[in-house]
Amino acid sequence: MPLTKEKKVSVVKEFAGAEKNTGSIEGQIALLTERISQISNHLQENKKDFSTHRGLMQLVGKRKRLLNYLQKHNLTGYRQLIDKLGLRK
């Protein structure tokens, strides 16, 4: 279930600017969002996979912490990112 290298590069390039800038907050949040959507699709088919559900909850918590950090330090970037990703409707 991990992201392919090409998918990671395209996501980071779209949200973080350069394709090598994987450490940026926007890039990390975008990668976590992509993994969360993949795992959510997996869990819709496999409802009793509780260990994957726990991993999903950990990823959601990590993304929430990163979003809180981004909101405190760069409010305009935060608003642009949640619009692009379609979060917090």
Protein backbone atom coordinates (compact mmCIF):
# COMPACT_ATOMS: atom_id res chain seq x y z
CA MET A 1 0.00 0.00 0.00
CA PRO A 2 2.87 2.51 0.10
CA LEU A 3 2.95 5.38 -2.34
CA THR A 4 4.97 4.85 -5.49
CA LYS A 5 8.04 6.97 -6.04
CA GLU A 6 6.47 8.73 -9.03
CA LYS A 7 3.34 9.58 -7.04
CA LYS A 8 5.43 10.98 -4.17
CA VAL A 9 7.46 13.14 -6.55
CA SER A 10 4.35 14.49 -8.27
CA VAL A 11 2.58 15.28 -4.98
CA VAL A 12 5.63 17.00 -3.49
CA LYS A 13 6.26 18.95 -6.70
CA GLU A 14 2.66 20.17 -6.77
CA PHE A 15 2.40 21.24 -3.13
CA ALA A 16 5.97 21.94 -1.93
CA GLY A 17 7.45 23.60 -5.00
CA ALA A 18 10.60 21.66 -5.89
CA GLU A 19 10.46 17.88 -6.19
CA LYS A 20 13.36 17.47 -3.74
CA ASN A 21 11.69 19.63 -1.08
CA THR A 22 10.09 16.73 0.79
CA GLY A 23 10.69 18.28 4.20
CA SER A 24 8.39 21.25 3.72
CA ILE A 25 5.26 21.28 5.84
CA GLU A 26 2.99 21.55 2.80
CA GLY A 27 4.67 18.57 1.14
CA GLN A 28 4.43 16.46 4.28
CA ILE A 29 0.74 17.26 4.71
CA ALA A 30 0.01 16.48 1.06
CA LEU A 31 1.82 13.11 1.30
CA LEU A 32 -0.03 12.24 4.50
CA THR A 33 -3.34 13.16 2.86
CA GLU A 34 -2.58 10.87 -0.07
CA ARG A 35 -1.70 7.98 2.25
CA ILE A 36 -4.81 8.60 4.35
CA SER A 37 -7.04 8.40 1.27
CA GLN A 38 -5.39 5.14 0.17
CA ILE A 39 -5.77 3.58 3.61
CA SER A 40 -9.39 4.77 3.85
CA ASN A 41 -10.19 3.01 0.58
CA HIS A 42 -8.49 -0.14 1.89
CA LEU A 43 -10.52 -0.01 5.10
CA GLN A 44 -13.80 0.32 3.21
CA GLU A 45 -13.10 -3.08 1.66
CA ASN A 46 -11.56 -4.64 4.80
CA LYS A 47 -13.68 -3.43 7.68
CA LYS A 48 -12.09 -5.71 10.30
CA ASP A 49 -8.49 -4.67 9.67
CA PHE A 50 -8.01 -3.03 13.06
CA SER A 51 -4.24 -2.64 12.94
CA THR A 52 -4.51 -0.62 9.74
CA HIS A 53 -7.25 1.43 11.37
CA ARG A 54 -4.87 2.27 14.22
CA GLY A 55 -2.20 3.32 11.72
CA LEU A 56 -4.77 5.50 9.96
CA MET A 57 -5.64 7.24 13.21
CA GLN A 58 -1.95 7.91 13.84
CA LEU A 59 -1.54 9.43 10.37
CA VAL A 60 -4.62 11.61 10.86
CA GLY A 61 -3.23 12.84 14.18
CA LYS A 62 0.15 13.61 12.64
CA ARG A 63 -1.49 15.53 9.81
CA LYS A 64 -3.59 17.46 12.32
CA ARG A 65 -0.49 18.45 14.29
CA LEU A 66 1.26 19.60 11.13
CA LEU A 67 -1.80 21.59 10.06
CA ASN A 68 -1.94 23.27 13.47
CA TYR A 69 1.73 24.20 13.15
CA LEU A 70 1.18 25.60 9.67
CA GLN A 71 -1.86 27.55 10.83
CA LYS A 72 0.13 29.19 13.65
CA HIS A 73 3.14 30.09 11.50
CA ASN A 74 1.72 30.74 8.01
CA LEU A 75 -2.02 31.39 7.95
CA THR A 76 -2.27 32.24 4.24
CA GLY A 77 -0.31 29.13 3.29
CA TYR A 78 -2.58 27.08 5.55
CA ARG A 79 -5.72 28.42 3.89
CA GLN A 80 -4.35 27.82 0.40
CA LEU A 81 -3.31 24.27 1.29
CA ILE A 82 -6.65 23.21 2.75
CA ASP A 83 -8.39 24.63 -0.32
CA LYS A 84 -6.09 22.68 -2.65
CA LEU A 85 -6.45 19.44 -0.69
CA GLY A 86 -10.15 19.83 -0.08
CA LEU A 87 -9.88 19.52 3.71
CA ARG A 88 -12.15 21.07 6.35
CA LYS A 89 -15.17 21.85 4.24
